[in-house]
Structures are given as structure tokens and as C-alpha cells.
Amino acid sequence: MEAKNNEFKKADEKFDKMIKNSQNIEFKHKIFMKISDVDPEDAKRFKTWCDRHVEGKQFLGLKVLMDMIERIDYMNSLIKPQLDYFELRLSNLEDSMIMNQELNNNKPKIPKTQGGNK
């Protein structure tokens, strides 16, 4: 127990030295979610997901999910133009089918004559 306390004291001393010489160091404020910000059902679901996939490490779970979101954004940037192109091709195909139907309906219809079986 004393070894851990000594490590904390050493770390505090190093941190105090860094604070004194912090002209070149920029600190970022950490943002933590409050428990009231998260729906209990969502928190439980996220915890079970982290327990199952990232050995219960929730911070790592957040990193994994953020990486997945970034990859999905990249994939969307690749797939969306292709989908737009296919949509354009389908609309052109539908237009040509409608035009062919209209042309077939506008042809004059010749009545069949009687006695065609002779």
C-alpha cells in the first residue's frame, strides 16, 4: 500500500513540476457524461455490449464505436454516388418503358377478318 502511495506522490511531484513549466503545454478540459445524461436502459445496453466485445472496458468501447462511425461515413461517401447513378439509370429505364407503352397503345389496331381458318 505504501508503494502505491509513493508512486502517487512521485506522480504528483512530476505533475507539479509540469504545471510550473506549463508555458508550452496546452491543457484540454475533459468532458465526462453525467449519469443523468444517459438513459438507464441505454447505459445497461452499452455496458453489456462492452462486456461482450471489449472485455468490459467502456472507454475502449466508445473508441471502437467512434471508429465504426467514421468508417461508415467513409463508406457512405463511396456508396452514395453509385446509388445516385443507379437511381438515374433506373429512372431513365422507367421513362423508356413508359414511352414504349405509349407508342404501342397509339398504334392503329387492324381488325381480324372472318374466315381466317380457311
PDB file of N, CA and C in Angstrom:
ATOM      1  N   MET A   1       0.827  -1.190   0.000  1.00  0.00           N
ATOM      2  CA  MET A   1       0.000   0.000   0.000  1.00  0.00           C
ATOM      3  C   MET A   1       0.871   1.254   0.000  1.00  0.00           C
ATOM      4  N   GLU A   2       1.972   1.199   0.758  1.00  0.00           N
ATOM      5  CA  GLU A   2       2.862   2.354   0.818  1.00  0.00           C
ATOM      6  C   GLU A   2       3.558   2.574  -0.519  1.00  0.00           C
ATOM      7  N   ALA A   3       3.833   1.479  -1.248  1.00  0.00           N
ATOM      8  CA  ALA A   3       4.473   1.609  -2.552  1.00  0.00           C
ATOM      9  C   ALA A   3       3.565   2.379  -3.506  1.00  0.00           C
ATOM     10  N   LYS A   4       2.264   2.080  -3.453  1.00  0.00           N
ATOM     11  CA  LYS A   4       1.321   2.800  -4.303  1.00  0.00           C
ATOM     12  C   LYS A   4       1.258   4.270  -3.916  1.00  0.00           C
ATOM     13  N   ASN A   5       1.251   4.557  -2.613  1.00  0.00           N
ATOM     14  CA  ASN A   5       1.218   5.950  -2.163  1.00  0.00           C
ATOM     15  C   ASN A   5       2.465   6.692  -2.606  1.00  0.00           C
ATOM     16  N   ASN A   6       3.632   6.015  -2.555  1.00  0.00           N
ATOM     17  CA  ASN A   6       4.867   6.643  -3.014  1.00  0.00           C
ATOM     18  C   ASN A   6       4.800   6.945  -4.504  1.00  0.00           C
ATOM     19  N   GLU A   7       4.207   6.019  -5.288  1.00  0.00           N
ATOM     20  CA  GLU A   7       4.057   6.250  -6.722  1.00  0.00           C
ATOM     21  C   GLU A   7       3.153   7.448  -6.984  1.00  0.00           C
ATOM     22  N   PHE A   8       2.064   7.562  -6.207  1.00  0.00           N
ATOM     23  CA  PHE A   8       1.174   8.701  -6.371  1.00  0.00           C
ATOM     24  C   PHE A   8       1.878  10.001  -6.006  1.00  0.00           C
ATOM     25  N   LYS A   9       2.693   9.967  -4.939  1.00  0.00           N
ATOM     26  CA  LYS A   9       3.427  11.176  -4.534  1.00  0.00           C
ATOM     27  C   LYS A   9       4.420  11.585  -5.607  1.00  0.00           C
ATOM     28  N   LYS A  10       5.117  10.598  -6.188  1.00  0.00           N
ATOM     29  CA  LYS A  10       6.067  10.899  -7.257  1.00  0.00           C
ATOM     30  C   LYS A  10       5.350  11.482  -8.470  1.00  0.00           C
ATOM     31  N   ALA A  11       4.207  10.891  -8.799  1.00  0.00           N
ATOM     32  CA  ALA A  11       3.432  11.389  -9.934  1.00  0.00           C
ATOM     33  C   ALA A  11       2.944  12.807  -9.659  1.00  0.00           C
ATOM     34  N   ASP A  12       2.510  13.083  -8.422  1.00  0.00           N
ATOM     35  CA  ASP A  12       2.071  14.434  -8.065  1.00  0.00           C
ATOM     36  C   ASP A  12       3.208  15.424  -8.177  1.00  0.00           C
ATOM     37  N   GLU A  13       4.402  15.030  -7.750  1.00  0.00           N
ATOM     38  CA  GLU A  13       5.554  15.921  -7.843  1.00  0.00           C
ATOM     39  C   GLU A  13       5.886  16.229  -9.300  1.00  0.00           C
ATOM     40  N   LYS A  14       5.863  15.197 -10.147  1.00  0.00           N
ATOM     41  CA  LYS A  14       6.129  15.415 -11.570  1.00  0.00           C
ATOM     42  C   LYS A  14       5.068  16.327 -12.187  1.00  0.00           C
ATOM     43  N   PHE A  15       3.830  16.116 -11.807  1.00  0.00           N
ATOM     44  CA  PHE A  15       2.753  16.945 -12.337  1.00  0.00           C
ATOM     45  C   PHE A  15       2.907  18.397 -11.882  1.00  0.00           C
ATOM     46  N   ASP A  16       3.301  18.588 -10.609  1.00  0.00           N
ATOM     47  CA  ASP A  16       3.528  19.952 -10.102  1.00  0.00           C
ATOM     48  C   ASP A  16       4.645  20.637 -10.871  1.00  0.00           C
ATOM     49  N   LYS A  17       5.717  19.894 -11.198  1.00  0.00           N
ATOM     50  CA  LYS A  17       6.814  20.463 -11.992  1.00  0.00           C
ATOM     51  C   LYS A  17       6.314  20.853 -13.381  1.00  0.00           C
ATOM     52  N   MET A  18       5.464  19.996 -13.956  1.00  0.00           N
ATOM     53  CA  MET A  18       4.921  20.306 -15.282  1.00  0.00           C
ATOM     54  C   MET A  18       4.051  21.550 -15.235  1.00  0.00           C
ATOM     55  N   ILE A  19       3.267  21.709 -14.171  1.00  0.00           N
ATOM     56  CA  ILE A  19       2.394  22.876 -14.039  1.00  0.00           C
ATOM     57  C   ILE A  19       3.242  24.154 -13.944  1.00  0.00           C
ATOM     58  N   LYS A  20       4.341  24.084 -13.191  1.00  0.00           N
ATOM     59  CA  LYS A  20       5.208  25.258 -13.055  1.00  0.00           C
ATOM     60  C   LYS A  20       5.826  25.643 -14.390  1.00  0.00           C
ATOM     61  N   ASN A  21       6.151  24.667 -15.207  1.00  0.00           N
ATOM     62  CA  ASN A  21       6.778  24.916 -16.515  1.00  0.00           C
ATOM     63  C   ASN A  21       5.770  24.737 -17.650  1.00  0.00           C
ATOM     64  N   SER A  22       4.536  25.111 -17.429  1.00  0.00           N
ATOM     65  CA  SER A  22       3.478  24.817 -18.400  1.00  0.00           C
ATOM     66  C   SER A  22       3.277  25.894 -19.449  1.00  0.00           C
ATOM     67  N   GLN A  23       4.282  26.658 -19.737  1.00  0.00           N
ATOM     68  CA  GLN A  23       4.124  27.697 -20.752  1.00  0.00           C
ATOM     69  C   GLN A  23       3.916  27.088 -22.135  1.00  0.00           C
ATOM     70  N   ASN A  24       4.547  25.963 -22.396  1.00  0.00           N
ATOM     71  CA  ASN A  24       4.436  25.331 -23.717  1.00  0.00           C
ATOM     72  C   ASN A  24       3.374  24.236 -23.764  1.00  0.00           C
ATOM     73  N   ILE A  25       2.737  23.981 -22.649  1.00  0.00           N
ATOM     74  CA  ILE A  25       1.769  22.891 -22.587  1.00  0.00           C
ATOM     75  C   ILE A  25       0.363  23.465 -22.601  1.00  0.00           C
ATOM     76  N   GLU A  26      -0.478  22.910 -23.478  1.00  0.00           N
ATOM     77  CA  GLU A  26      -1.878  23.319 -23.514  1.00  0.00           C
ATOM     78  C   GLU A  26      -2.707  22.188 -22.926  1.00  0.00           C
ATOM     79  N   PHE A  27      -3.567  22.523 -21.999  1.00  0.00           N
ATOM     80  CA  PHE A  27      -4.407  21.521 -21.359  1.00  0.00           C
ATOM     81  C   PHE A  27      -5.793  21.560 -21.977  1.00  0.00           C
ATOM     82  N   LYS A  28      -6.366  20.398 -22.162  1.00  0.00           N
ATOM     83  CA  LYS A  28      -7.730  20.297 -22.660  1.00  0.00           C
ATOM     84  C   LYS A  28      -8.614  19.875 -21.501  1.00  0.00           C
ATOM     85  N   HIS A  29      -9.756  20.481 -21.434  1.00  0.00           N
ATOM     86  CA  HIS A  29     -10.686  20.093 -20.387  1.00  0.00           C
ATOM     87  C   HIS A  29     -11.353  18.780 -20.783  1.00  0.00           C
ATOM     88  N   LYS A  30     -11.405  17.865 -19.854  1.00  0.00           N
ATOM     89  CA  LYS A  30     -12.054  16.581 -20.111  1.00  0.00           C
ATOM     90  C   LYS A  30     -13.541  16.731 -19.879  1.00  0.00           C
ATOM     91  N   ILE A  31     -14.293  16.066 -20.716  1.00  0.00           N
ATOM     92  CA  ILE A  31     -15.745  16.104 -20.599  1.00  0.00           C
ATOM     93  C   ILE A  31     -16.212  14.706 -20.221  1.00  0.00           C
ATOM     94  N   PHE A  32     -16.903  14.616 -19.149  1.00  0.00           N
ATOM     95  CA  PHE A  32     -17.460  13.346 -18.708  1.00  0.00           C
ATOM     96  C   PHE A  32     -18.973  13.427 -18.763  1.00  0.00           C
ATOM     97  N   MET A  33     -19.592  12.328 -19.161  1.00  0.00           N
ATOM     98  CA  MET A  33     -21.039  12.299 -19.166  1.00  0.00           C
ATOM     99  C   MET A  33     -21.540  12.111 -17.746  1.00  0.00           C
ATOM    100  N   LYS A  34     -22.565  12.816 -17.434  1.00  0.00           N
ATOM    101  CA  LYS A  34     -23.206  12.607 -16.144  1.00  0.00           C
ATOM    102  C   LYS A  34     -24.179  11.444 -16.288  1.00  0.00           C
ATOM    103  N   ILE A  35     -24.406  10.770 -15.205  1.00  0.00           N
ATOM    104  CA  ILE A  35     -25.312   9.620 -15.253  1.00  0.00           C
ATOM    105  C   ILE A  35     -26.711  10.074 -15.663  1.00  0.00           C
ATOM    106  N   SER A  36     -27.074  11.291 -15.304  1.00  0.00           N
ATOM    107  CA  SER A  36     -28.411  11.770 -15.647  1.00  0.00           C
ATOM    108  C   SER A  36     -28.549  12.034 -17.149  1.00  0.00           C
ATOM    109  N   ASP A  37     -27.406  12.152 -17.867  1.00  0.00           N
ATOM    110  CA  ASP A  37     -27.453  12.399 -19.300  1.00  0.00           C
ATOM    111  C   ASP A  37     -27.784  11.141 -20.097  1.00  0.00           C
ATOM    112  N   VAL A  38     -27.627   9.976 -19.492  1.00  0.00           N
ATOM    113  CA  VAL A  38     -27.789   8.716 -20.209  1.00  0.00           C
ATOM    114  C   VAL A  38     -29.018   7.987 -19.689  1.00  0.00           C
ATOM    115  N   ASP A  39     -29.814   7.513 -20.620  1.00  0.00           N
ATOM    116  CA  ASP A  39     -30.977   6.705 -20.247  1.00  0.00           C
ATOM    117  C   ASP A  39     -30.482   5.408 -19.611  1.00  0.00           C
ATOM    118  N   PRO A  40     -31.050   4.979 -18.493  1.00  0.00           N
ATOM    119  CA  PRO A  40     -30.561   3.757 -17.833  1.00  0.00           C
ATOM    120  C   PRO A  40     -30.585   2.523 -18.735  1.00  0.00           C
ATOM    121  N   GLU A  41     -31.592   2.402 -19.586  1.00  0.00           N
ATOM    122  CA  GLU A  41     -31.649   1.252 -20.495  1.00  0.00           C
ATOM    123  C   GLU A  41     -30.505   1.303 -21.501  1.00  0.00           C
ATOM    124  N   ASP A  42     -30.214   2.513 -22.011  1.00  0.00           N
ATOM    125  CA  ASP A  42     -29.107   2.646 -22.958  1.00  0.00           C
ATOM    126  C   ASP A  42     -27.779   2.354 -22.284  1.00  0.00           C
ATOM    127  N   ALA A  43     -27.609   2.830 -21.045  1.00  0.00           N
ATOM    128  CA  ALA A  43     -26.366   2.577 -20.314  1.00  0.00           C
ATOM    129  C   ALA A  43     -26.180   1.081 -20.078  1.00  0.00           C
ATOM    130  N   LYS A  44     -27.251   0.396 -19.731  1.00  0.00           N
ATOM    131  CA  LYS A  44     -27.173  -1.044 -19.493  1.00  0.00           C
ATOM    132  C   LYS A  44     -26.837  -1.780 -20.784  1.00  0.00           C
ATOM    133  N   ARG A  45     -27.468  -1.362 -21.884  1.00  0.00           N
ATOM    134  CA  ARG A  45     -27.195  -1.991 -23.179  1.00  0.00           C
ATOM    135  C   ARG A  45     -25.749  -1.771 -23.600  1.00  0.00           C
ATOM    136  N   PHE A  46     -25.248  -0.541 -23.404  1.00  0.00           N
ATOM    137  CA  PHE A  46     -23.863  -0.244 -23.751  1.00  0.00           C
ATOM    138  C   PHE A  46     -22.904  -1.054 -22.878  1.00  0.00           C
ATOM    139  N   LYS A  47     -23.224  -1.179 -21.596  1.00  0.00           N
ATOM    140  CA  LYS A  47     -22.367  -1.949 -20.685  1.00  0.00           C
ATOM    141  C   LYS A  47     -22.317  -3.414 -21.096  1.00  0.00           C
ATOM    142  N   THR A  48     -23.461  -3.998 -21.445  1.00  0.00           N
ATOM    143  CA  THR A  48     -23.456  -5.403 -21.869  1.00  0.00           C
ATOM    144  C   THR A  48     -22.689  -5.572 -23.183  1.00  0.00           C
ATOM    145  N   TRP A  49     -22.796  -4.581 -24.080  1.00  0.00           N
ATOM    146  CA  TRP A  49     -22.045  -4.644 -25.336  1.00  0.00           C
ATOM    147  C   TRP A  49     -20.549  -4.599 -25.042  1.00  0.00           C
ATOM    148  N   CYS A  50     -20.142  -3.705 -24.144  1.00  0.00           N
ATOM    149  CA  CYS A  50     -18.727  -3.595 -23.790  1.00  0.00           C
ATOM    150  C   CYS A  50     -18.238  -4.862 -23.105  1.00  0.00           C
ATOM    151  N   ASP A  51     -19.067  -5.430 -22.230  1.00  0.00           N
ATOM    152  CA  ASP A  51     -18.674  -6.668 -21.553  1.00  0.00           C
ATOM    153  C   ASP A  51     -18.467  -7.794 -22.561  1.00  0.00           C
ATOM    154  N   ARG A  52     -19.294  -7.845 -23.572  1.00  0.00           N
ATOM    155  CA  ARG A  52     -19.236  -8.918 -24.546  1.00  0.00           C
ATOM    156  C   ARG A  52     -18.102  -8.729 -25.555  1.00  0.00           C
ATOM    157  N   HIS A  53     -17.872  -7.491 -26.004  1.00  0.00           N
ATOM    158  CA  HIS A  53     -16.958  -7.275 -27.134  1.00  0.00           C
ATOM    159  C   HIS A  53     -15.606  -6.680 -26.769  1.00  0.00           C
ATOM    160  N   VAL A  54     -15.509  -5.888 -25.719  1.00  0.00           N
ATOM    161  CA  VAL A  54     -14.237  -5.222 -25.405  1.00  0.00           C
ATOM    162  C   VAL A  54     -13.824  -5.444 -23.958  1.00  0.00           C
ATOM    163  N   GLU A  55     -14.109  -6.622 -23.464  1.00  0.00           N
ATOM    164  CA  GLU A  55     -13.679  -7.043 -22.132  1.00  0.00           C
ATOM    165  C   GLU A  55     -14.110  -6.082 -21.025  1.00  0.00           C
ATOM    166  N   GLY A  56     -15.256  -5.467 -21.174  1.00  0.00           N
ATOM    167  CA  GLY A  56     -15.812  -4.605 -20.140  1.00  0.00           C
ATOM    168  C   GLY A  56     -15.189  -3.234 -20.051  1.00  0.00           C
ATOM    169  N   LYS A  57     -14.345  -2.868 -20.986  1.00  0.00           N
ATOM    170  CA  LYS A  57     -13.695  -1.561 -20.957  1.00  0.00           C
ATOM    171  C   LYS A  57     -14.551  -0.579 -21.753  1.00  0.00           C
ATOM    172  N   GLN A  58     -15.278   0.262 -21.044  1.00  0.00           N
ATOM    173  CA  GLN A  58     -16.249   1.140 -21.700  1.00  0.00           C
ATOM    174  C   GLN A  58     -15.583   2.240 -22.512  1.00  0.00           C
ATOM    175  N   PHE A  59     -14.436   2.740 -22.049  1.00  0.00           N
ATOM    176  CA  PHE A  59     -13.746   3.769 -22.831  1.00  0.00           C
ATOM    177  C   PHE A  59     -13.285   3.197 -24.161  1.00  0.00           C
ATOM    178  N   LEU A  60     -12.761   1.969 -24.130  1.00  0.00           N
ATOM    179  CA  LEU A  60     -12.374   1.303 -25.364  1.00  0.00           C
ATOM    180  C   LEU A  60     -13.597   1.055 -26.245  1.00  0.00           C
ATOM    181  N   GLY A  61     -14.727   0.733 -25.611  1.00  0.00           N
ATOM    182  CA  GLY A  61     -15.963   0.546 -26.354  1.00  0.00           C
ATOM    183  C   GLY A  61     -16.370   1.802 -27.110  1.00  0.00           C
ATOM    184  N   LEU A  62     -16.220   2.958 -26.445  1.00  0.00           N
ATOM    185  CA  LEU A  62     -16.518   4.232 -27.124  1.00  0.00           C
ATOM    186  C   LEU A  62     -15.591   4.447 -28.305  1.00  0.00           C
ATOM    187  N   LYS A  63     -14.317   4.126 -28.126  1.00  0.00           N
ATOM    188  CA  LYS A  63     -13.358   4.300 -29.221  1.00  0.00           C
ATOM    189  C   LYS A  63     -13.716   3.403 -30.405  1.00  0.00           C
ATOM    190  N   VAL A  64     -14.096   2.150 -30.099  1.00  0.00           N
ATOM    191  CA  VAL A  64     -14.464   1.214 -31.167  1.00  0.00           C
ATOM    192  C   VAL A  64     -15.689   1.725 -31.915  1.00  0.00           C
ATOM    193  N   LEU A  65     -16.686   2.190 -31.178  1.00  0.00           N
ATOM    194  CA  LEU A  65     -17.899   2.694 -31.826  1.00  0.00           C
ATOM    195  C   LEU A  65     -17.608   3.942 -32.664  1.00  0.00           C
ATOM    196  N   MET A  66     -16.758   4.820 -32.168  1.00  0.00           N
ATOM    197  CA  MET A  66     -16.407   6.016 -32.943  1.00  0.00           C
ATOM    198  C   MET A  66     -15.673   5.628 -34.226  1.00  0.00           C
ATOM    199  N   ASP A  67     -14.785   4.648 -34.147  1.00  0.00           N
ATOM    200  CA  ASP A  67     -14.078   4.173 -35.327  1.00  0.00           C
ATOM    201  C   ASP A  67     -15.052   3.574 -36.337  1.00  0.00           C
ATOM    202  N   MET A  68     -16.039   2.836 -35.832  1.00  0.00           N
ATOM    203  CA  MET A  68     -17.046   2.259 -36.724  1.00  0.00           C
ATOM    204  C   MET A  68     -17.839   3.364 -37.419  1.00  0.00           C
ATOM    205  N   ILE A  69     -18.190   4.399 -36.679  1.00  0.00           N
ATOM    206  CA  ILE A  69     -18.953   5.504 -37.263  1.00  0.00           C
ATOM    207  C   ILE A  69     -18.139   6.205 -38.338  1.00  0.00           C
ATOM    208  N   GLU A  70     -16.849   6.423 -38.086  1.00  0.00           N
ATOM    209  CA  GLU A  70     -16.000   7.072 -39.084  1.00  0.00           C
ATOM    210  C   GLU A  70     -15.888   6.214 -40.343  1.00  0.00           C
ATOM    211  N   ARG A  71     -15.792   4.901 -40.174  1.00  0.00           N
ATOM    212  CA  ARG A  71     -15.702   4.029 -41.346  1.00  0.00           C
ATOM    213  C   ARG A  71     -17.009   4.021 -42.123  1.00  0.00           C
ATOM    214  N   ILE A  72     -18.130   4.074 -41.416  1.00  0.00           N
ATOM    215  CA  ILE A  72     -19.423   4.120 -42.096  1.00  0.00           C
ATOM    216  C   ILE A  72     -19.543   5.416 -42.890  1.00  0.00           C
ATOM    217  N   ASP A  73     -19.087   6.535 -42.325  1.00  0.00           N
ATOM    218  CA  ASP A  73     -19.113   7.803 -43.053  1.00  0.00           C
ATOM    219  C   ASP A  73     -18.286   7.706 -44.330  1.00  0.00           C
ATOM    220  N   TYR A  74     -17.122   7.071 -44.242  1.00  0.00           N
ATOM    221  CA  TYR A  74     -16.268   6.908 -45.420  1.00  0.00           C
ATOM    222  C   TYR A  74     -16.956   6.037 -46.464  1.00  0.00           C
ATOM    223  N   MET A  75     -17.568   4.939 -46.004  1.00  0.00           N
ATOM    224  CA  MET A  75     -18.266   4.059 -46.938  1.00  0.00           C
ATOM    225  C   MET A  75     -19.434   4.782 -47.593  1.00  0.00           C
ATOM    226  N   ASN A  76     -20.142   5.615 -46.823  1.00  0.00           N
ATOM    227  CA  ASN A  76     -21.252   6.378 -47.404  1.00  0.00           C
ATOM    228  C   ASN A  76     -20.759   7.310 -48.492  1.00  0.00           C
ATOM    229  N   SER A  77     -19.582   7.901 -48.293  1.00  0.00           N
ATOM    230  CA  SER A  77     -19.053   8.808 -49.315  1.00  0.00           C
ATOM    231  C   SER A  77     -18.712   8.048 -50.593  1.00  0.00           C
ATOM    232  N   LEU A  78     -18.405   6.758 -50.485  1.00  0.00           N
ATOM    233  CA  LEU A  78     -18.117   5.959 -51.674  1.00  0.00           C
ATOM    234  C   LEU A  78     -19.381   5.394 -52.305  1.00  0.00           C
ATOM    235  N   ILE A  79     -20.326   4.991 -51.487  1.00  0.00           N
ATOM    236  CA  ILE A  79     -21.514   4.299 -51.985  1.00  0.00           C
ATOM    237  C   ILE A  79     -22.575   5.252 -52.493  1.00  0.00           C
ATOM    238  N   LYS A  80     -22.728   6.409 -51.865  1.00  0.00           N
ATOM    239  CA  LYS A  80     -23.792   7.338 -52.246  1.00  0.00           C
ATOM    240  C   LYS A  80     -23.723   7.751 -53.713  1.00  0.00           C
ATOM    241  N   PRO A  81     -22.561   8.115 -54.277  1.00  0.00           N
ATOM    242  CA  PRO A  81     -22.547   8.451 -55.710  1.00  0.00           C
ATOM    243  C   PRO A  81     -22.976   7.282 -56.597  1.00  0.00           C
ATOM    244  N   GLN A  82     -22.595   6.063 -56.216  1.00  0.00           N
ATOM    245  CA  GLN A  82     -23.011   4.910 -57.006  1.00  0.00           C
ATOM    246  C   GLN A  82     -24.521   4.718 -56.940  1.00  0.00           C
ATOM    247  N   LEU A  83     -25.099   4.901 -55.764  1.00  0.00           N
ATOM    248  CA  LEU A  83     -26.551   4.783 -55.639  1.00  0.00           C
ATOM    249  C   LEU A  83     -27.261   5.862 -56.442  1.00  0.00           C
ATOM    250  N   ASP A  84     -26.727   7.080 -56.418  1.00  0.00           N
ATOM    251  CA  ASP A  84     -27.322   8.151 -57.214  1.00  0.00           C
ATOM    252  C   ASP A  84     -27.271   7.808 -58.704  1.00  0.00           C
ATOM    253  N   TYR A  85     -26.161   7.222 -59.150  1.00  0.00           N
ATOM    254  CA  TYR A  85     -26.021   6.843 -60.551  1.00  0.00           C
ATOM    255  C   TYR A  85     -27.034   5.755 -60.913  1.00  0.00           C
ATOM    256  N   PHE A  86     -27.183   4.745 -60.044  1.00  0.00           N
ATOM    257  CA  PHE A  86     -28.163   3.695 -60.310  1.00  0.00           C
ATOM    258  C   PHE A  86     -29.580   4.244 -60.313  1.00  0.00           C
ATOM    259  N   GLU A  87     -29.855   5.187 -59.439  1.00  0.00           N
ATOM    260  CA  GLU A  87     -31.189   5.800 -59.409  1.00  0.00           C
ATOM    261  C   GLU A  87     -31.465   6.521 -60.720  1.00  0.00           C
ATOM    262  N   LEU A  88     -30.471   7.215 -61.237  1.00  0.00           N
ATOM    263  CA  LEU A  88     -30.626   7.907 -62.515  1.00  0.00           C
ATOM    264  C   LEU A  88     -30.878   6.907 -63.640  1.00  0.00           C
ATOM    265  N   ARG A  89     -30.123   5.815 -63.650  1.00  0.00           N
ATOM    266  CA  ARG A  89     -30.314   4.794 -64.685  1.00  0.00           C
ATOM    267  C   ARG A  89     -31.691   4.156 -64.592  1.00  0.00           C
ATOM    268  N   LEU A  90     -32.155   3.883 -63.372  1.00  0.00           N
ATOM    269  CA  LEU A  90     -33.490   3.296 -63.213  1.00  0.00           C
ATOM    270  C   LEU A  90     -34.573   4.255 -63.678  1.00  0.00           C
ATOM    271  N   SER A  91     -34.440   5.527 -63.365  1.00  0.00           N
ATOM    272  CA  SER A  91     -35.462   6.483 -63.810  1.00  0.00           C
ATOM    273  C   SER A  91     -35.463   6.601 -65.330  1.00  0.00           C
ATOM    274  N   ASN A  92     -34.279   6.538 -65.955  1.00  0.00           N
ATOM    275  CA  ASN A  92     -34.221   6.559 -67.423  1.00  0.00           C
ATOM    276  C   ASN A  92     -34.875   5.310 -68.015  1.00  0.00           C
ATOM    277  N   LEU A  93     -34.637   4.175 -67.376  1.00  0.00           N
ATOM    278  CA  LEU A  93     -35.250   2.926 -67.844  1.00  0.00           C
ATOM    279  C   LEU A  93     -36.768   2.985 -67.702  1.00  0.00           C
ATOM    280  N   GLU A  94     -37.260   3.503 -66.585  1.00  0.00           N
ATOM    281  CA  GLU A  94     -38.704   3.648 -66.400  1.00  0.00           C
ATOM    282  C   GLU A  94     -39.292   4.575 -67.448  1.00  0.00           C
ATOM    283  N   ASP A  95     -38.620   5.681 -67.735  1.00  0.00           N
ATOM    284  CA  ASP A  95     -39.108   6.620 -68.753  1.00  0.00           C
ATOM    285  C   ASP A  95     -39.187   5.949 -70.123  1.00  0.00           C
ATOM    286  N   SER A  96     -38.168   5.157 -70.470  1.00  0.00           N
ATOM    287  CA  SER A  96     -38.193   4.498 -71.782  1.00  0.00           C
ATOM    288  C   SER A  96     -39.292   3.431 -71.833  1.00  0.00           C
ATOM    289  N   MET A  97     -39.550   2.739 -70.728  1.00  0.00           N
ATOM    290  CA  MET A  97     -40.630   1.753 -70.697  1.00  0.00           C
ATOM    291  C   MET A  97     -41.979   2.434 -70.861  1.00  0.00           C
ATOM    292  N   ILE A  98     -42.168   3.565 -70.221  1.00  0.00           N
ATOM    293  CA  ILE A  98     -43.434   4.306 -70.348  1.00  0.00           C
ATOM    294  C   ILE A  98     -43.615   4.783 -71.785  1.00  0.00           C
ATOM    295  N   MET A  99     -42.526   5.264 -72.399  1.00  0.00           N
ATOM    296  CA  MET A  99     -42.622   5.722 -73.795  1.00  0.00           C
ATOM    297  C   MET A  99     -42.981   4.561 -74.720  1.00  0.00           C
ATOM    298  N   ASN A 100     -42.393   3.391 -74.503  1.00  0.00           N
ATOM    299  CA  ASN A 100     -42.708   2.227 -75.341  1.00  0.00           C
ATOM    300  C   ASN A 100     -44.160   1.813 -75.169  1.00  0.00           C
ATOM    301  N   GLN A 101     -44.684   1.869 -73.964  1.00  0.00           N
ATOM    302  CA  GLN A 101     -46.087   1.533 -73.739  1.00  0.00           C
ATOM    303  C   GLN A 101     -46.990   2.511 -74.473  1.00  0.00           C
ATOM    304  N   GLU A 102     -46.662   3.788 -74.405  1.00  0.00           N
ATOM    305  CA  GLU A 102     -47.485   4.793 -75.078  1.00  0.00           C
ATOM    306  C   GLU A 102     -47.450   4.595 -76.591  1.00  0.00           C
ATOM    307  N   LEU A 103     -46.266   4.260 -77.122  1.00  0.00           N
ATOM    308  CA  LEU A 103     -46.158   4.032 -78.564  1.00  0.00           C
ATOM    309  C   LEU A 103     -46.959   2.799 -78.988  1.00  0.00           C
ATOM    310  N   ASN A 104     -46.926   1.748 -78.174  1.00  0.00           N
ATOM    311  CA  ASN A 104     -47.676   0.532 -78.503  1.00  0.00           C
ATOM    312  C   ASN A 104     -49.174   0.771 -78.408  1.00  0.00           C
ATOM    313  N   ASN A 105     -49.612   1.603 -77.475  1.00  0.00           N
ATOM    314  CA  ASN A 105     -51.036   1.877 -77.332  1.00  0.00           C
ATOM    315  C   ASN A 105     -51.553   2.793 -78.438  1.00  0.00           C
ATOM    316  N   ASN A 106     -50.719   3.599 -79.050  1.00  0.00           N
ATOM    317  CA  ASN A 106     -51.144   4.550 -80.073  1.00  0.00           C
ATOM    318  C   ASN A 106     -51.136   3.951 -81.486  1.00  0.00           C
ATOM    319  N   LYS A 107     -50.674   2.719 -81.662  1.00  0.00           N
ATOM    320  CA  LYS A 107     -50.666   2.115 -82.993  1.00  0.00           C
ATOM    321  C   LYS A 107     -52.107   1.812 -83.414  1.00  0.00           C
ATOM    322  N   PRO A 108     -52.391   1.985 -84.696  1.00  0.00           N
ATOM    323  CA  PRO A 108     -53.742   1.648 -85.144  1.00  0.00           C
ATOM    324  C   PRO A 108     -53.963   0.133 -85.065  1.00  0.00           C
ATOM    325  N   LYS A 109     -55.159  -0.244 -84.617  1.00  0.00           N
ATOM    326  CA  LYS A 109     -55.465  -1.656 -84.484  1.00  0.00           C
ATOM    327  C   LYS A 109     -56.294  -2.095 -85.689  1.00  0.00           C
ATOM    328  N   ILE A 110     -55.779  -3.110 -86.337  1.00  0.00           N
ATOM    329  CA  ILE A 110     -56.443  -3.640 -87.529  1.00  0.00           C
ATOM    330  C   ILE A 110     -57.320  -4.805 -87.083  1.00  0.00           C
ATOM    331  N   PRO A 111     -58.608  -4.732 -87.429  1.00  0.00           N
ATOM    332  CA  PRO A 111     -59.481  -5.832 -87.005  1.00  0.00           C
ATOM    333  C   PRO A 111     -59.162  -7.112 -87.772  1.00  0.00           C
ATOM    334  N   LYS A 112     -59.374  -8.223 -87.101  1.00  0.00           N
ATOM    335  CA  LYS A 112     -59.142  -9.508 -87.736  1.00  0.00           C
ATOM    336  C   LYS A 112     -60.307  -9.813 -88.672  1.00  0.00           C
ATOM    337  N   THR A 113     -60.008 -10.389 -89.785  1.00  0.00           N
ATOM    338  CA  THR A 113     -61.072 -10.736 -90.740  1.00  0.00           C
ATOM    339  C   THR A 113     -61.678 -12.076 -90.404  1.00  0.00           C
ATOM    340  N   GLN A 114     -62.897 -12.259 -90.874  1.00  0.00           N
ATOM    341  CA  GLN A 114     -63.562 -13.533 -90.637  1.00  0.00           C
ATOM    342  C   GLN A 114     -63.034 -14.552 -91.612  1.00  0.00           C
ATOM    343  N   GLY A 115     -63.095 -15.777 -91.232  1.00  0.00           N
ATOM    344  CA  GLY A 115     -62.698 -16.838 -92.148  1.00  0.00           C
ATOM    345  C   GLY A 115     -61.206 -16.995 -92.266  1.00  0.00           C
ATOM    346  N   GLY A 116     -60.488 -16.669 -91.264  1.00  0.00           N
ATOM    347  CA  GLY A 116     -59.038 -16.794 -91.314  1.00  0.00           C
ATOM    348  C   GLY A 116     -58.560 -18.225 -91.214  1.00  0.00           C
ATOM    349  N   ASN A 117     -59.485 -19.171 -90.919  1.00  0.00           N
ATOM    350  CA  ASN A 117     -59.071 -20.560 -90.762  1.00  0.00           C
ATOM    351  C   ASN A 117     -59.086 -21.330 -92.084  1.00  0.00           C
ATOM    352  N   LYS A 118     -59.437 -20.751 -93.183  1.00  0.00           N
ATOM    353  CA  LYS A 118     -59.551 -21.439 -94.480  1.00  0.00           C
ATOM    354  C   LYS A 118     -58.236 -21.866 -95.024  1.00  0.00           C
TER     355      LYS A 118
END
